[in-house]
Amino acid sequence: MPQIDYNLTIGDIKIPNPLVLASMAGLTNSSFAITRSAGLAFLGGYNLDEATIIAAKELVKKGRSEFAYDDPTPVIKNELGVMNATEIIAGVNARSTTLEPLLEIAELAHQKGAIFELNAHCRQPEMEAIGAGQCLTRDLPKLATWIQEIKQTDVPLSVKVRSGVVSDVELARTIDKAGADVIHIDMMDSGPTLVKKIRDATALKIIANNSIVDYTSAHKMFSMGADYVSVARAAIAGDTILQEILAEVQFYQETVGWYNAPKHICASGDLRGLAYCCMPVKDCPLQYVLKRAGITKEDYVLIKESFKETKLGEGPHTCFGSMVWCCKITRPCPWRDGSLQDLDFSDVEYMQLKKQLADTFLACRNLE
């Protein structure tokens, strides 16, 4: 499959594609990851301190797979060395009841050009009993402090969490304000609606996890604002699922120009859908969304008008006299499509400018 540039980065690390291999205890190591078509693979989860290592060994006795090494550091160092010889970006998912081991592995990940992922996700009773895993999300001040300390290593940081434990939006905002780069969220039963809430409420990169089993399930997450989707159990049997999803994502990127293009606002899309909206002249969802985003109607119009300096400013025969007000390319419109043809302006170029417009709206919203 030919390589295309999705223009994806986490911190200063370029990610080859928007598919992520999620960590799975006792399974996701380098030999597993390098046989999968992910752009980013999280190894682990690794248990870093005495308490989590003991708990992991108890889980192994009960038949659960775990990475339970007495000294995990040399193992992780070796695994990152293997991953560095591939095109797949490595991430290290780790848990601990104390901060110091997390800082050590975060620094190692930074040195190896990897991403560090703080595990605030696991829910095994043995881990919860010692305050590890998702217990962190029940103590937001502690979680924020740990994120701030880990970011002092300059490592690109993801935080893996589970929805439905606490207020998901409050949790996401805490992670964002503390300085993390990514929220990797197990949607449980929440689905794309939660992705939209996080996209609208934070500046975080979003990895959507849980029940990603085909392109349809992945596209639902992308269309609500996920930057990445992560595959876990569906990848155990082999690479077929990842290959099929990636082929469809690549086709969408090549033909539409925006692999995770949002739905329209009037179809319950996230804030990025403002790029498709028309003049604020009628009572429609646009009015509510602008108010929620803290963007005045006057500023909305000014932002749109500023893009008239691009090719979007063309199209005098469209509804409002230029394509800055036109909708998503996948929605048929003879006036817009006629203007594109007259200008020799491709669908991909059109949507890439709409993405720039959407990014401008996201940058102007009020996140307080």
Protein backbone atom coordinates (compact mmCIF):
# COMPACT_ATOMS: atom_id res chain seq x y z
CA MET A 1 0.00 0.00 0.00
CA PRO A 2 1.55 3.35 -1.03
CA GLN A 3 2.38 5.79 1.75
CA ILE A 4 0.41 9.02 1.98
CA ASP A 5 0.93 11.93 4.33
CA TYR A 6 -1.89 12.40 6.83
CA ASN A 7 -0.02 15.29 8.47
CA LEU A 8 -0.35 13.64 11.88
CA THR A 9 1.88 14.46 14.82
CA ILE A 10 1.89 13.84 18.57
CA GLY A 11 4.28 16.25 20.19
CA ASP A 12 7.20 16.40 17.78
CA ILE A 13 6.70 12.84 16.52
CA LYS A 14 5.20 12.25 13.09
CA ILE A 15 2.68 9.42 13.00
CA PRO A 16 2.42 7.50 9.69
CA ASN A 17 -1.32 6.82 9.79
CA PRO A 18 -4.30 7.27 12.13
CA LEU A 19 -4.55 3.61 13.21
CA VAL A 20 -3.31 2.72 16.68
CA LEU A 21 -2.65 -0.66 18.23
CA ALA A 22 -3.86 -0.51 21.81
CA SER A 23 -1.91 -2.03 24.67
CA MET A 24 -3.15 -5.41 25.86
CA ALA A 25 -1.66 -6.81 29.04
CA GLY A 26 0.73 -9.68 28.40
CA LEU A 27 0.20 -9.53 24.64
CA THR A 28 1.16 -6.25 22.98
CA ASN A 29 4.92 -6.48 22.71
CA SER A 30 7.21 -5.60 19.82
CA SER A 31 6.92 -8.97 18.06
CA PHE A 32 3.13 -8.58 18.04
CA ALA A 33 3.15 -4.90 17.08
CA ILE A 34 5.51 -5.10 14.11
CA THR A 35 3.15 -7.51 12.34
CA ARG A 36 0.26 -5.05 12.43
CA SER A 37 -0.49 -2.10 10.10
CA ALA A 38 -0.75 0.56 12.78
CA GLY A 39 0.93 3.94 12.63
CA LEU A 40 1.36 3.89 16.41
CA ALA A 41 1.54 0.86 18.69
CA PHE A 42 1.33 1.07 22.47
CA LEU A 43 3.38 -1.68 24.09
CA GLY A 44 2.32 -2.92 27.49
CA GLY A 45 0.76 -2.25 29.84
CA TYR A 46 3.85 -2.51 31.96
CA ASN A 47 3.85 -2.65 35.74
CA LEU A 48 6.59 -0.42 37.08
CA ASP A 49 6.65 -0.39 40.87
CA GLU A 50 6.62 -3.10 43.52
CA ALA A 51 2.91 -2.79 44.25
CA THR A 52 1.77 -3.13 40.62
CA ILE A 53 4.28 -5.93 39.93
CA ILE A 54 2.96 -7.93 42.91
CA ALA A 55 -0.64 -7.30 41.83
CA ALA A 56 0.21 -8.38 38.27
CA LYS A 57 1.73 -11.63 39.51
CA GLU A 58 -1.47 -12.32 41.43
CA LEU A 59 -3.43 -11.76 38.24
CA VAL A 60 -1.14 -14.19 36.39
CA LYS A 61 -1.93 -16.84 39.03
CA LYS A 62 -5.61 -16.37 38.17
CA GLY A 63 -4.94 -16.96 34.49
CA ARG A 64 -4.66 -13.40 33.22
CA SER A 65 -1.81 -12.42 30.92
CA GLU A 66 0.41 -9.67 32.30
CA PHE A 67 3.82 -8.08 31.83
CA ALA A 68 5.12 -8.74 35.33
CA TYR A 69 8.89 -8.31 35.26
CA ASP A 70 10.87 -7.80 38.46
CA ASP A 71 12.87 -5.18 36.56
CA PRO A 72 10.84 -3.88 33.63
CA THR A 73 13.25 -1.15 32.53
CA PRO A 74 15.70 -3.26 30.48
CA VAL A 75 12.77 -5.11 28.89
CA ILE A 76 11.14 -1.86 27.80
CA LYS A 77 14.46 -0.50 26.57
CA ASN A 78 14.98 -3.57 24.41
CA GLU A 79 11.42 -3.45 23.07
CA LEU A 80 11.83 0.18 22.03
CA GLY A 81 15.05 -0.73 20.28
CA VAL A 82 13.19 -3.30 18.21
CA MET A 83 10.45 -0.81 17.35
CA ASN A 84 12.99 1.83 16.32
CA ALA A 85 14.03 -0.43 13.46
CA THR A 86 10.51 -0.24 11.99
CA GLU A 87 8.30 2.52 10.58
CA ILE A 88 5.74 2.04 13.37
CA ILE A 89 5.94 4.61 16.14
CA ALA A 90 6.16 3.03 19.58
CA GLY A 91 4.28 4.00 22.69
CA VAL A 92 4.80 2.67 26.20
CA ASN A 93 1.70 2.13 28.34
CA ALA A 94 2.59 1.85 32.02
CA ARG A 95 1.02 1.90 35.46
CA SER A 96 2.38 2.51 38.92
CA THR A 97 1.22 3.54 42.35
CA THR A 98 4.11 5.99 42.62
CA LEU A 99 5.32 8.71 40.32
CA GLU A 100 9.08 8.04 40.22
CA PRO A 101 9.03 4.90 38.04
CA LEU A 102 6.69 6.64 35.59
CA LEU A 103 9.17 9.49 35.26
CA GLU A 104 12.00 7.05 34.61
CA ILE A 105 10.18 5.26 31.80
CA ALA A 106 8.85 8.52 30.38
CA GLU A 107 12.42 9.76 30.12
CA LEU A 108 13.45 6.50 28.45
CA ALA A 109 10.58 6.80 25.98
CA HIS A 110 11.62 10.36 25.19
CA GLN A 111 15.20 9.26 24.53
CA LYS A 112 13.98 6.52 22.19
CA GLY A 113 11.62 8.75 20.23
CA ALA A 114 8.55 7.04 21.64
CA ILE A 115 5.30 8.23 23.21
CA PHE A 116 4.56 7.58 26.87
CA GLU A 117 1.08 6.56 27.94
CA LEU A 118 -0.05 6.89 31.53
CA ASN A 119 -2.38 4.02 32.33
CA ALA A 120 -5.40 5.43 34.17
CA HIS A 121 -7.58 2.79 32.59
CA CYS A 122 -7.24 -0.74 34.00
CA ARG A 123 -10.02 -1.83 36.32
CA GLN A 124 -8.85 -5.17 37.74
CA PRO A 125 -9.77 -5.29 41.45
CA GLU A 126 -6.17 -6.10 42.35
CA MET A 127 -5.02 -2.87 40.67
CA GLU A 128 -7.83 -0.75 42.05
CA ALA A 129 -7.09 -2.04 45.55
CA ILE A 130 -3.63 -0.46 45.41
CA GLY A 131 -4.80 2.78 43.79
CA ALA A 132 -3.53 2.07 40.27
CA GLY A 133 -5.27 2.20 36.91
CA GLN A 134 -8.63 3.92 36.74
CA CYS A 135 -8.40 4.96 40.39
CA LEU A 136 -6.32 7.86 39.11
CA THR A 137 -9.36 9.31 37.37
CA ARG A 138 -11.18 9.51 40.72
CA ASP A 139 -8.46 11.83 42.03
CA LEU A 140 -8.23 14.56 39.42
CA PRO A 141 -5.77 16.79 41.34
CA LYS A 142 -3.36 13.85 41.66
CA LEU A 143 -3.83 12.94 37.99
CA ALA A 144 -3.14 16.55 36.95
CA THR A 145 0.00 16.69 39.09
CA TRP A 146 1.34 13.45 37.65
CA ILE A 147 0.69 14.67 34.09
CA GLN A 148 2.51 17.94 34.81
CA GLU A 149 5.48 16.09 36.31
CA ILE A 150 5.69 13.59 33.45
CA LYS A 151 5.57 16.40 30.89
CA GLN A 152 8.68 17.86 32.51
CA THR A 153 10.58 15.07 30.70
CA ASP A 154 9.37 16.57 27.38
CA VAL A 155 7.95 13.20 26.32
CA PRO A 156 4.82 13.26 24.14
CA LEU A 157 2.17 12.10 26.58
CA SER A 158 -1.03 10.13 26.14
CA VAL A 159 -3.39 9.35 29.01
CA LYS A 160 -5.45 6.16 28.66
CA VAL A 161 -8.80 6.38 30.47
CA ARG A 162 -12.17 4.67 30.56
CA SER A 163 -15.44 6.50 30.04
CA GLY A 164 -18.19 6.45 32.63
CA VAL A 165 -15.96 6.38 35.71
CA VAL A 166 -16.26 10.11 36.45
CA SER A 167 -17.55 13.08 34.42
CA ASP A 168 -15.92 12.43 31.06
CA VAL A 169 -15.78 16.07 29.98
CA GLU A 170 -14.34 17.21 33.32
CA LEU A 171 -11.77 14.42 33.10
CA ALA A 172 -10.80 15.38 29.55
CA ARG A 173 -10.48 19.05 30.47
CA THR A 174 -8.29 18.16 33.45
CA ILE A 175 -6.01 16.12 31.21
CA ASP A 176 -5.89 18.93 28.65
CA LYS A 177 -5.17 21.72 31.13
CA ALA A 178 -2.48 19.64 32.84
CA GLY A 179 -0.55 19.54 29.57
CA ALA A 180 -1.03 16.07 28.09
CA ASP A 181 -0.99 15.73 24.32
CA VAL A 182 -3.50 12.93 23.86
CA ILE A 183 -6.52 11.38 25.52
CA HIS A 184 -6.85 7.70 24.62
CA ILE A 185 -10.37 6.91 25.72
CA ASP A 186 -12.09 3.58 26.00
CA MET A 187 -15.61 4.54 24.98
CA MET A 188 -17.34 1.56 26.64
CA ASP A 189 -21.00 2.25 25.76
CA SER A 190 -20.56 5.98 25.09
CA GLY A 191 -19.57 5.84 21.44
CA PRO A 192 -19.14 8.70 18.96
CA THR A 193 -21.25 11.15 20.97
CA LEU A 194 -18.56 11.26 23.65
CA VAL A 195 -15.86 11.82 21.02
CA LYS A 196 -17.80 14.88 19.90
CA LYS A 197 -18.05 16.22 23.45
CA ILE A 198 -14.31 15.88 24.00
CA ARG A 199 -13.48 17.36 20.59
CA ASP A 200 -15.64 20.39 21.35
CA ALA A 201 -14.38 20.81 24.92
CA THR A 202 -10.61 20.34 24.60
CA ALA A 203 -7.61 20.84 22.37
CA LEU A 204 -6.42 17.27 22.97
CA LYS A 205 -5.63 14.80 20.23
CA ILE A 206 -8.18 12.01 20.58
CA ILE A 207 -7.62 8.27 20.21
CA ALA A 208 -11.00 6.53 20.25
CA ASN A 209 -10.95 2.97 21.57
CA ASN A 210 -13.46 0.13 22.02
CA SER A 211 -15.27 -1.98 19.44
CA ILE A 212 -13.30 -0.71 16.45
CA VAL A 213 -13.77 -3.77 14.28
CA ASP A 214 -14.17 -2.41 10.74
CA TYR A 215 -14.12 0.81 8.74
CA THR A 216 -17.74 1.62 9.57
CA SER A 217 -17.03 1.67 13.31
CA ALA A 218 -13.81 3.61 12.75
CA HIS A 219 -15.45 6.18 10.47
CA LYS A 220 -18.14 6.92 13.07
CA MET A 221 -15.39 7.95 15.49
CA PHE A 222 -13.46 9.93 12.87
CA SER A 223 -16.56 11.85 11.78
CA MET A 224 -17.16 13.04 15.36
CA GLY A 225 -13.63 14.30 15.90
CA ALA A 226 -11.30 11.40 16.66
CA ASP A 227 -7.81 11.95 15.30
CA TYR A 228 -7.00 8.26 15.68
CA VAL A 229 -8.82 5.02 16.40
CA SER A 230 -7.23 2.18 18.32
CA VAL A 231 -7.78 -1.50 17.75
CA ALA A 232 -7.33 -4.10 20.47
CA ARG A 233 -9.01 -7.51 20.50
CA ALA A 234 -9.95 -7.30 16.82
CA ALA A 235 -6.20 -7.31 16.02
CA ILE A 236 -5.43 -10.50 17.93
CA ALA A 237 -6.34 -12.85 15.08
CA GLY A 238 -4.10 -11.05 12.60
CA ASP A 239 -3.58 -7.91 10.58
CA THR A 240 -6.60 -8.23 8.26
CA ILE A 241 -8.86 -5.84 10.17
CA LEU A 242 -6.20 -3.13 10.37
CA GLN A 243 -5.33 -3.54 6.70
CA GLU A 244 -8.96 -3.23 5.66
CA ILE A 245 -9.57 -0.14 7.80
CA LEU A 246 -6.36 1.49 6.60
CA ALA A 247 -7.24 0.85 2.95
CA GLU A 248 -10.60 2.59 3.39
CA VAL A 249 -9.07 5.48 5.34
CA GLN A 250 -6.47 5.96 2.63
CA PHE A 251 -9.13 5.90 -0.10
CA TYR A 252 -11.16 8.54 1.78
CA GLN A 253 -8.07 10.70 2.28
CA GLU A 254 -7.12 10.46 -1.38
CA THR A 255 -10.61 11.14 -2.77
CA VAL A 256 -12.07 13.51 -0.18
CA GLY A 257 -8.91 15.06 1.25
CA TRP A 258 -9.84 14.91 4.93
CA TYR A 259 -9.90 11.40 6.40
CA ASN A 260 -11.74 12.45 9.57
CA ALA A 261 -13.95 15.13 8.06
CA PRO A 262 -16.82 16.02 10.41
CA LYS A 263 -20.53 15.74 9.88
CA HIS A 264 -22.54 18.90 9.28
CA ILE A 265 -23.64 20.85 12.36
CA CYS A 266 -27.27 20.22 11.37
CA ALA A 267 -26.47 16.48 11.41
CA SER A 268 -25.12 16.70 15.00
CA GLY A 269 -21.50 17.10 13.96
CA ASP A 270 -18.76 18.54 16.15
CA LEU A 271 -17.54 22.14 16.04
CA ARG A 272 -15.35 21.50 13.03
CA GLY A 273 -18.58 21.35 11.04
CA LEU A 274 -18.79 25.14 11.28
CA ALA A 275 -16.59 25.09 8.19
CA TYR A 276 -19.62 23.92 6.19
CA CYS A 277 -22.27 26.23 7.64
CA CYS A 278 -23.95 29.06 5.78
CA MET A 279 -24.80 32.61 6.87
CA PRO A 280 -26.27 32.85 10.40
CA VAL A 281 -29.59 34.15 9.09
CA LYS A 282 -32.07 31.59 10.33
CA ASP A 283 -32.99 29.75 13.49
CA CYS A 284 -30.95 26.55 13.18
CA PRO A 285 -28.39 24.53 15.18
CA LEU A 286 -25.65 26.95 14.08
CA GLN A 287 -26.92 29.57 16.53
CA TYR A 288 -26.73 27.20 19.48
CA VAL A 289 -23.33 25.82 18.51
CA LEU A 290 -21.80 29.28 18.17
CA LYS A 291 -23.10 30.22 21.61
CA ARG A 292 -21.72 27.03 23.13
CA ALA A 293 -18.34 27.62 21.50
CA GLY A 294 -18.18 31.22 22.70
CA ILE A 295 -17.98 32.54 19.14
CA THR A 296 -20.17 35.51 18.27
CA LYS A 297 -22.08 35.61 15.03
CA GLU A 298 -19.98 38.63 14.03
CA ASP A 299 -16.72 36.74 14.63
CA TYR A 300 -18.07 33.71 12.82
CA VAL A 301 -18.74 35.83 9.75
CA LEU A 302 -15.32 37.51 9.98
CA ILE A 303 -13.56 34.14 10.13
CA LYS A 304 -15.49 32.93 7.11
CA GLU A 305 -14.85 36.17 5.22
CA SER A 306 -11.10 35.88 5.89
CA PHE A 307 -11.06 32.70 3.81
CA LYS A 308 -12.38 34.59 0.81
CA GLU A 309 -8.73 35.32 0.11
CA THR A 310 -8.40 31.62 -0.82
CA LYS A 311 -10.12 29.74 -3.63
CA LEU A 312 -13.09 29.35 -1.29
CA GLY A 313 -13.81 32.98 -2.05
CA GLU A 314 -14.78 31.98 -5.59
CA GLY A 315 -18.18 30.71 -6.67
CA PRO A 316 -20.38 33.77 -7.31
CA HIS A 317 -23.30 31.54 -8.32
CA THR A 318 -23.41 29.66 -5.03
CA CYS A 319 -26.08 30.40 -2.43
CA PHE A 320 -24.22 33.20 -0.63
CA GLY A 321 -21.83 34.22 -3.37
CA SER A 322 -18.76 32.24 -2.38
CA MET A 323 -17.78 28.72 -1.39
CA VAL A 324 -16.77 29.73 2.13
CA TRP A 325 -20.46 29.11 2.92
CA CYS A 326 -20.74 25.82 1.04
CA CYS A 327 -21.22 22.37 2.52
CA LYS A 328 -19.25 19.14 2.66
CA ILE A 329 -18.10 17.79 -0.69
CA THR A 330 -19.98 14.52 -0.14
CA ARG A 331 -23.29 16.41 -0.07
CA PRO A 332 -24.37 17.00 -3.70
CA CYS A 333 -24.71 20.63 -4.79
CA PRO A 334 -24.85 21.59 -8.49
CA TRP A 335 -23.90 25.25 -7.86
CA ARG A 336 -20.83 24.42 -5.79
CA ASP A 337 -19.79 21.54 -8.03
CA GLY A 338 -20.20 23.71 -11.12
CA SER A 339 -17.96 26.36 -9.56
CA LEU A 340 -15.33 23.76 -8.68
CA GLN A 341 -15.34 22.50 -12.24
CA ASP A 342 -15.09 26.01 -13.71
CA LEU A 343 -12.12 26.78 -11.48
CA ASP A 344 -10.40 23.40 -11.97
CA PHE A 345 -10.59 23.23 -8.16
CA SER A 346 -10.51 19.59 -7.00
CA ASP A 347 -12.66 18.04 -4.28
CA VAL A 348 -9.50 17.35 -2.27
CA GLU A 349 -8.26 20.96 -2.49
CA TYR A 350 -11.72 22.20 -1.50
CA MET A 351 -11.88 19.96 1.57
CA GLN A 352 -8.32 20.72 2.63
CA LEU A 353 -9.22 24.41 2.72
CA LYS A 354 -12.37 23.54 4.67
CA LYS A 355 -10.14 21.73 7.16
CA GLN A 356 -8.01 24.85 7.55
CA LEU A 357 -11.20 26.82 8.16
CA ALA A 358 -12.33 24.26 10.74
CA ASP A 359 -8.97 24.46 12.52
CA THR A 360 -9.38 28.24 12.69
CA PHE A 361 -12.75 27.85 14.39
CA LEU A 362 -11.30 25.40 16.91
CA ALA A 363 -8.50 27.84 17.70
CA CYS A 364 -11.00 30.66 18.30
CA ARG A 365 -13.43 28.84 20.60
CA ASN A 366 -13.60 29.50 24.31
CA LEU A 367 -12.37 26.44 26.24
CA GLU A 368 -12.90 27.93 29.70
